[in-house]
Amino acid sequence: MTSPPLHILLTGGRGFLGQHIAKLLLQAGHRVQIFQRAPTAPMADHPNLSYCTGDLTDFFDVQEAIEGKDLVVHAGGRVSFRRLDRADVWRNNLEGTTTLVQAMLNAPAPARLIHISSIAALGRSFRPSLVNESQIWKTDPANTWYAYSKYKAELEVWRAAEEGLATTILNPAVILGPGPWTTGTGQLFNHMHGGLSWYPGGETGFVDVRDVALAVLQEISTPSIGKRYILASENASWQSVLNQIATALQVPPPTRKIPSKAILPLAKSLEWMLTALSMPSPLPYEILLNSSLKHTYASDAFLQAHPEFRFRPLATTIQETAEAYLQQL
């Protein structure tokens, strides 16, 4: 899995997934420039790693950043289910992507784009279903504001593809792996270690953060222009995943199922009340909503396009992530 060295612009390069992508790109011999909102301390001392500062919604900042690049890996965005964050989620996920693809289209020699999206952009419903790349978005109360922002961002990428931009979209499932423990899915390990007695009744797809980074590297080496791929190692119930995390952390597993029909309306009312008081909800409605749904996701298309690729087993991801968590205590 090799390709000629490229000059790559990486958005979201300081995030959970972005750091793994940057590491692999550098190991593969590529030159990586991380686009960041504000100057910060370097992640690593590497001769092929550089930084540029700007606002992803500022056309001129983006235009300057993409100049001379062979490829843009767009992993930037905002993940939040808090009602108070909706404007920021919309600005980062949709407006940032819109500005990026327009600047790329206007470039004299447009780079190629790998857009990191989410399975949320494929849409959800309260009915259990098997989801693949042919899924058509439908307006549904089960779709969160975050999901809608990712769906609309994808529409901008597809529009750019129709106008001639070489694009690939990757839709990772729920990403697990070593990383920050107070945000994102790292909180699962933190909360479980602290004692968690409840579990949601839904099921979904999961994928290792390192496999998502490897999938980006695979798409650089053997590009699939104009394609979309779901990235899911396995599908599992939240109960099974939380039980495995508990076992790996050597703590008691959760034993009480969240009664979704009763708790969802209560959580929604609580969130509205706390929002009115300018207080964050400790249990956002949309998190409970997501974890109560039952969807399975197929990665067959990606594996057929890249037959040598192998996802890590979910059990391996959980065990290695738990070990990393326990080492940092």
Protein backbone atom coordinates (compact mmCIF):
# COMPACT_ATOMS: atom_id res chain seq x y z
CA MET A 1 0.00 0.00 0.00
CA THR A 2 2.34 2.68 -1.29
CA SER A 3 1.95 5.81 -3.39
CA PRO A 4 4.24 8.67 -4.49
CA PRO A 5 4.75 11.27 -1.74
CA LEU A 6 2.01 13.88 -1.81
CA HIS A 7 1.64 17.33 -0.27
CA ILE A 8 -1.53 16.96 1.82
CA LEU A 9 -3.69 19.48 3.66
CA LEU A 10 -5.39 17.91 6.67
CA THR A 11 -8.29 19.61 8.43
CA GLY A 12 -9.15 18.43 11.93
CA GLY A 13 -5.60 17.17 12.26
CA ARG A 14 -5.45 17.87 15.99
CA GLY A 15 -8.61 15.90 16.77
CA PHE A 16 -9.06 12.31 17.89
CA LEU A 17 -9.20 10.87 14.35
CA GLY A 18 -7.03 13.55 12.75
CA GLN A 19 -4.00 12.78 14.89
CA HIS A 20 -4.10 9.14 13.81
CA ILE A 21 -4.44 10.15 10.16
CA ALA A 22 -1.52 12.59 10.43
CA LYS A 23 0.69 9.93 12.01
CA LEU A 24 0.06 7.40 9.24
CA LEU A 25 0.46 9.94 6.45
CA LEU A 26 3.85 10.98 7.82
CA GLN A 27 4.93 7.35 8.24
CA ALA A 28 4.02 6.78 4.58
CA GLY A 29 6.36 9.59 3.52
CA HIS A 30 3.79 12.26 2.69
CA ARG A 31 4.16 15.97 3.49
CA VAL A 32 1.33 17.01 5.81
CA GLN A 33 0.13 20.50 6.61
CA ILE A 34 -2.48 20.74 9.36
CA PHE A 35 -5.08 23.47 9.01
CA GLN A 36 -5.94 24.78 12.47
CA ARG A 37 -8.07 27.58 13.86
CA ALA A 38 -5.44 29.03 16.20
CA PRO A 39 -1.68 28.60 16.71
CA THR A 40 -0.91 25.81 19.15
CA ALA A 41 2.12 23.82 20.26
CA PRO A 42 3.30 21.29 17.62
CA MET A 43 1.96 17.75 18.04
CA ALA A 44 5.29 16.25 16.98
CA ASP A 45 8.69 17.24 15.67
CA HIS A 46 8.72 15.95 12.10
CA PRO A 47 10.39 17.48 9.03
CA ASN A 48 7.35 16.75 6.83
CA LEU A 49 4.80 18.21 9.25
CA SER A 50 3.76 21.86 9.14
CA TYR A 51 0.83 24.02 10.22
CA CYS A 52 -1.26 26.83 8.84
CA THR A 53 -3.77 28.92 10.74
CA GLY A 54 -7.14 30.11 9.52
CA ASP A 55 -10.91 29.87 9.65
CA LEU A 56 -12.42 27.06 7.60
CA THR A 57 -15.39 29.28 6.77
CA ASP A 58 -13.11 32.07 5.44
CA PHE A 59 -12.69 31.59 1.69
CA PHE A 60 -9.36 33.42 1.50
CA ASP A 61 -7.87 31.49 4.43
CA VAL A 62 -8.83 28.22 2.78
CA GLN A 63 -7.71 29.37 -0.68
CA GLU A 64 -4.26 30.12 0.68
CA ALA A 65 -4.08 26.80 2.56
CA ILE A 66 -4.92 24.59 -0.43
CA GLU A 67 -2.43 26.29 -2.76
CA GLY A 68 0.12 23.76 -4.01
CA LYS A 69 -1.59 20.77 -2.37
CA ASP A 70 -2.11 17.44 -4.14
CA LEU A 71 -4.78 16.20 -1.75
CA VAL A 72 -7.07 17.52 0.97
CA VAL A 73 -8.20 15.17 3.74
CA HIS A 74 -11.17 16.87 5.37
CA ALA A 75 -11.52 15.42 8.86
CA GLY A 76 -12.48 18.71 10.50
CA GLY A 77 -15.87 19.35 12.03
CA ARG A 78 -17.77 19.58 15.26
CA VAL A 79 -19.44 16.70 17.07
CA SER A 80 -21.93 17.82 19.69
CA PHE A 81 -25.48 16.91 20.61
CA ARG A 82 -26.05 19.88 22.91
CA ARG A 83 -28.79 22.22 21.78
CA LEU A 84 -26.63 25.21 22.75
CA ASP A 85 -23.96 24.07 20.24
CA ARG A 86 -26.21 23.79 17.20
CA ALA A 87 -25.07 27.00 15.53
CA ASP A 88 -21.43 26.03 15.96
CA VAL A 89 -22.09 22.50 14.66
CA TRP A 90 -23.80 23.95 11.57
CA ARG A 91 -21.00 26.46 10.99
CA ASN A 92 -18.19 23.93 11.28
CA ASN A 93 -19.77 20.98 9.50
CA LEU A 94 -21.74 22.63 6.70
CA GLU A 95 -20.33 26.11 6.19
CA GLY A 96 -16.75 24.91 6.59
CA THR A 97 -17.23 22.14 4.03
CA THR A 98 -19.01 24.47 1.62
CA THR A 99 -16.15 26.98 1.76
CA LEU A 100 -13.55 24.25 1.35
CA VAL A 101 -15.03 22.62 -1.76
CA GLN A 102 -15.71 25.98 -3.39
CA ALA A 103 -12.12 27.08 -2.86
CA MET A 104 -10.92 23.76 -4.28
CA LEU A 105 -13.13 24.13 -7.35
CA ASN A 106 -11.74 27.63 -7.94
CA ALA A 107 -8.11 26.51 -7.66
CA PRO A 108 -6.05 26.55 -10.90
CA ALA A 109 -5.07 22.90 -10.36
CA PRO A 110 -7.69 21.40 -8.02
CA ALA A 111 -6.47 18.88 -5.47
CA ARG A 112 -8.32 15.66 -4.77
CA LEU A 113 -10.61 15.51 -1.73
CA ILE A 114 -11.15 12.72 0.79
CA HIS A 115 -14.10 13.80 2.89
CA ILE A 116 -14.49 12.12 6.29
CA SER A 117 -18.20 12.09 7.01
CA SER A 118 -20.21 9.86 9.36
CA ILE A 119 -22.82 7.12 9.25
CA ALA A 120 -25.10 9.78 10.76
CA ALA A 121 -25.17 11.45 7.32
CA LEU A 122 -26.92 8.39 5.89
CA GLY A 123 -30.00 9.05 7.99
CA ARG A 124 -31.75 7.08 10.69
CA SER A 125 -35.25 6.05 11.62
CA PHE A 126 -36.97 4.41 14.57
CA ARG A 127 -37.34 1.22 12.52
CA PRO A 128 -34.43 -1.26 12.63
CA SER A 129 -32.65 -1.46 9.28
CA LEU A 130 -29.57 -2.57 7.39
CA VAL A 131 -27.78 0.48 5.98
CA ASN A 132 -25.46 0.50 2.97
CA GLU A 133 -24.08 3.13 0.60
CA SER A 134 -27.31 3.30 -1.41
CA GLN A 135 -29.23 4.62 1.59
CA ILE A 136 -31.32 7.67 0.71
CA TRP A 137 -31.70 10.36 3.33
CA LYS A 138 -35.25 10.80 4.59
CA THR A 139 -36.47 13.46 6.97
CA ASP A 140 -37.21 11.66 10.22
CA PRO A 141 -37.43 12.65 13.91
CA ALA A 142 -34.69 10.09 14.58
CA ASN A 143 -32.17 12.25 12.70
CA THR A 144 -30.22 14.57 14.99
CA TRP A 145 -29.08 18.11 14.24
CA TYR A 146 -25.52 16.79 13.98
CA ALA A 147 -26.66 14.18 11.44
CA TYR A 148 -28.45 16.84 9.40
CA SER A 149 -25.32 19.02 9.33
CA LYS A 150 -23.23 16.09 8.07
CA TYR A 151 -25.85 15.20 5.45
CA LYS A 152 -25.96 18.77 4.16
CA ALA A 153 -22.14 18.88 4.08
CA GLU A 154 -22.12 15.72 1.97
CA LEU A 155 -24.50 17.37 -0.49
CA GLU A 156 -21.89 20.09 -0.98
CA VAL A 157 -19.23 17.46 -1.67
CA TRP A 158 -21.48 15.69 -4.20
CA ARG A 159 -22.21 19.04 -5.84
CA ALA A 160 -18.49 19.68 -6.16
CA ALA A 161 -18.02 16.20 -7.65
CA GLU A 162 -20.63 17.00 -10.28
CA GLU A 163 -18.64 20.13 -11.11
CA GLY A 164 -15.48 18.12 -11.64
CA LEU A 165 -13.79 17.81 -8.24
CA ALA A 166 -12.24 14.38 -7.62
CA THR A 167 -13.79 13.21 -4.35
CA THR A 168 -14.18 10.19 -2.10
CA ILE A 169 -16.46 10.10 0.94
CA LEU A 170 -15.81 7.85 3.92
CA ASN A 171 -18.60 7.24 6.44
CA PRO A 172 -17.12 5.79 9.65
CA ALA A 173 -19.35 4.09 12.18
CA VAL A 174 -18.96 4.86 15.90
CA ILE A 175 -15.20 5.34 16.27
CA LEU A 176 -13.45 3.68 19.22
CA GLY A 177 -9.81 3.70 20.19
CA PRO A 178 -7.16 5.23 22.43
CA GLY A 179 -7.57 8.97 22.70
CA PRO A 180 -8.99 11.67 24.94
CA TRP A 181 -11.00 10.17 27.79
CA THR A 182 -13.20 13.15 28.66
CA THR A 183 -14.67 13.73 25.20
CA GLY A 184 -16.13 11.58 22.43
CA THR A 185 -16.26 7.82 22.78
CA GLY A 186 -13.35 7.91 25.22
CA GLN A 187 -15.95 8.92 27.79
CA LEU A 188 -17.40 5.39 27.58
CA PHE A 189 -14.26 4.01 29.19
CA ASN A 190 -14.09 6.85 31.70
CA HIS A 191 -17.74 6.47 32.76
CA MET A 192 -17.52 2.68 32.85
CA HIS A 193 -14.46 2.77 35.06
CA GLY A 194 -16.24 5.19 37.39
CA GLY A 195 -19.27 2.91 37.62
CA LEU A 196 -22.10 2.71 35.09
CA SER A 197 -25.24 0.78 35.91
CA TRP A 198 -27.49 1.64 32.92
CA TYR A 199 -27.19 0.59 29.28
CA PRO A 200 -29.19 1.70 26.20
CA GLY A 201 -31.14 -0.83 24.17
CA GLY A 202 -29.94 0.06 20.68
CA GLU A 203 -27.30 -1.34 18.36
CA THR A 204 -25.03 0.18 15.74
CA GLY A 205 -21.75 -0.19 13.87
CA PHE A 206 -18.31 0.34 15.40
CA VAL A 207 -14.84 0.87 13.93
CA ASP A 208 -11.32 1.32 15.27
CA VAL A 209 -9.88 4.84 14.87
CA ARG A 210 -6.68 3.30 13.49
CA ASP A 211 -8.66 1.48 10.80
CA VAL A 212 -10.30 4.72 9.68
CA ALA A 213 -6.83 6.25 9.34
CA LEU A 214 -5.67 3.17 7.41
CA ALA A 215 -8.69 3.47 5.12
CA VAL A 216 -7.61 7.04 4.28
CA LEU A 217 -4.13 5.78 3.44
CA GLN A 218 -5.65 3.01 1.33
CA GLU A 219 -7.73 5.53 -0.61
CA ILE A 220 -4.61 7.60 -1.28
CA SER A 221 -2.77 4.57 -2.69
CA THR A 222 -5.67 3.13 -4.72
CA PRO A 223 -8.21 5.94 -5.10
CA SER A 224 -11.91 5.32 -5.73
CA ILE A 225 -13.00 8.58 -7.29
CA GLY A 226 -16.66 9.47 -6.92
CA LYS A 227 -17.36 6.71 -4.39
CA ARG A 228 -18.74 6.59 -0.87
CA TYR A 229 -17.77 3.89 1.61
CA ILE A 230 -19.15 2.90 5.00
CA LEU A 231 -16.41 1.91 7.45
CA ALA A 232 -17.69 -0.48 10.11
CA SER A 233 -15.70 -3.30 11.62
CA GLU A 234 -18.68 -4.95 13.31
CA ASN A 235 -22.23 -4.28 14.38
CA ALA A 236 -23.10 -4.84 18.02
CA SER A 237 -25.60 -3.88 20.70
CA TRP A 238 -24.62 -1.20 23.16
CA GLN A 239 -25.15 -3.73 25.94
CA SER A 240 -22.56 -6.07 24.39
CA VAL A 241 -20.04 -3.26 23.85
CA LEU A 242 -20.42 -1.88 27.37
CA ASN A 243 -20.14 -5.38 28.83
CA GLN A 244 -16.90 -5.93 26.91
CA ILE A 245 -15.54 -2.59 28.11
CA ALA A 246 -16.45 -3.47 31.69
CA THR A 247 -14.71 -6.84 31.42
CA ALA A 248 -11.58 -5.25 29.93
CA LEU A 249 -11.53 -2.64 32.72
CA GLN A 250 -12.29 -5.29 35.35
CA VAL A 251 -15.36 -3.49 36.68
CA PRO A 252 -18.98 -4.65 37.03
CA PRO A 253 -21.03 -4.40 33.81
CA PRO A 254 -24.20 -2.31 33.61
CA THR A 255 -27.26 -4.37 34.49
CA ARG A 256 -30.24 -2.04 33.99
CA LYS A 257 -31.61 -1.25 30.55
CA ILE A 258 -32.67 2.34 29.88
CA PRO A 259 -36.45 2.23 29.22
CA SER A 260 -36.29 4.32 26.04
CA LYS A 261 -40.03 4.88 25.65
CA ALA A 262 -40.18 6.52 29.04
CA ILE A 263 -36.78 8.19 29.24
CA LEU A 264 -36.63 9.86 25.83
CA PRO A 265 -39.56 12.27 26.40
CA LEU A 266 -38.25 12.98 29.90
CA ALA A 267 -34.74 13.72 28.63
CA LYS A 268 -36.08 15.98 25.90
CA SER A 269 -38.10 17.99 28.42
CA LEU A 270 -35.09 18.22 30.71
CA GLU A 271 -32.87 19.44 27.88
CA TRP A 272 -35.36 22.14 26.87
CA MET A 273 -35.59 23.35 30.47
CA LEU A 274 -31.83 23.45 31.03
CA THR A 275 -31.31 25.19 27.67
CA ALA A 276 -33.76 27.89 28.72
CA LEU A 277 -31.65 28.35 31.84
CA SER A 278 -28.43 28.41 29.74
CA MET A 279 -27.25 25.23 31.44
CA PRO A 280 -25.89 22.19 29.57
CA SER A 281 -27.90 19.00 29.87
CA PRO A 282 -25.99 16.18 31.58
CA LEU A 283 -27.80 13.67 29.36
CA PRO A 284 -28.68 15.25 25.98
CA TYR A 285 -31.79 13.96 24.31
CA GLU A 286 -29.97 13.25 21.05
CA ILE A 287 -27.42 10.96 22.74
CA LEU A 288 -30.18 8.87 24.22
CA LEU A 289 -31.97 8.95 20.88
CA ASN A 290 -28.95 7.63 18.98
CA SER A 291 -28.20 4.88 21.47
CA SER A 292 -31.79 3.61 21.48
CA LEU A 293 -31.94 3.01 17.70
CA LYS A 294 -31.19 -0.34 16.05
CA HIS A 295 -29.27 -0.11 12.77
CA THR A 296 -26.61 -2.33 11.23
CA TYR A 297 -24.06 -1.05 8.71
CA ALA A 298 -22.43 -2.87 5.81
CA SER A 299 -18.79 -2.31 4.82
CA ASP A 300 -18.91 -4.76 1.91
CA ALA A 301 -18.32 -2.08 -0.73
CA PHE A 302 -15.06 -0.89 0.82
CA LEU A 303 -13.77 -4.44 1.31
CA GLN A 304 -14.62 -5.32 -2.29
CA ALA A 305 -12.75 -2.24 -3.54
CA HIS A 306 -9.79 -2.98 -1.25
CA PRO A 307 -9.73 -6.79 -0.83
CA GLU A 308 -6.42 -6.76 1.06
CA PHE A 309 -7.86 -4.52 3.80
CA ARG A 310 -8.83 -6.08 7.12
CA PHE A 311 -10.68 -4.38 9.97
CA ARG A 312 -9.56 -5.03 13.52
CA PRO A 313 -12.03 -7.16 15.49
CA LEU A 314 -14.18 -5.08 17.81
CA ALA A 315 -13.02 -7.16 20.80
CA THR A 316 -9.40 -6.28 19.99
CA THR A 317 -10.21 -2.57 19.76
CA ILE A 318 -12.01 -2.61 23.11
CA GLN A 319 -9.25 -4.58 24.85
CA GLU A 320 -6.42 -2.39 23.54
CA THR A 321 -8.32 0.81 24.29
CA ALA A 322 -9.06 -0.36 27.83
CA GLU A 323 -5.38 -1.18 28.36
CA ALA A 324 -4.42 2.30 27.16
CA TYR A 325 -6.98 3.81 29.54
CA LEU A 326 -5.71 1.86 32.54
CA GLN A 327 -2.10 2.80 31.78
CA GLN A 328 -2.89 6.52 31.99
CA LEU A 329 -4.56 6.31 35.42
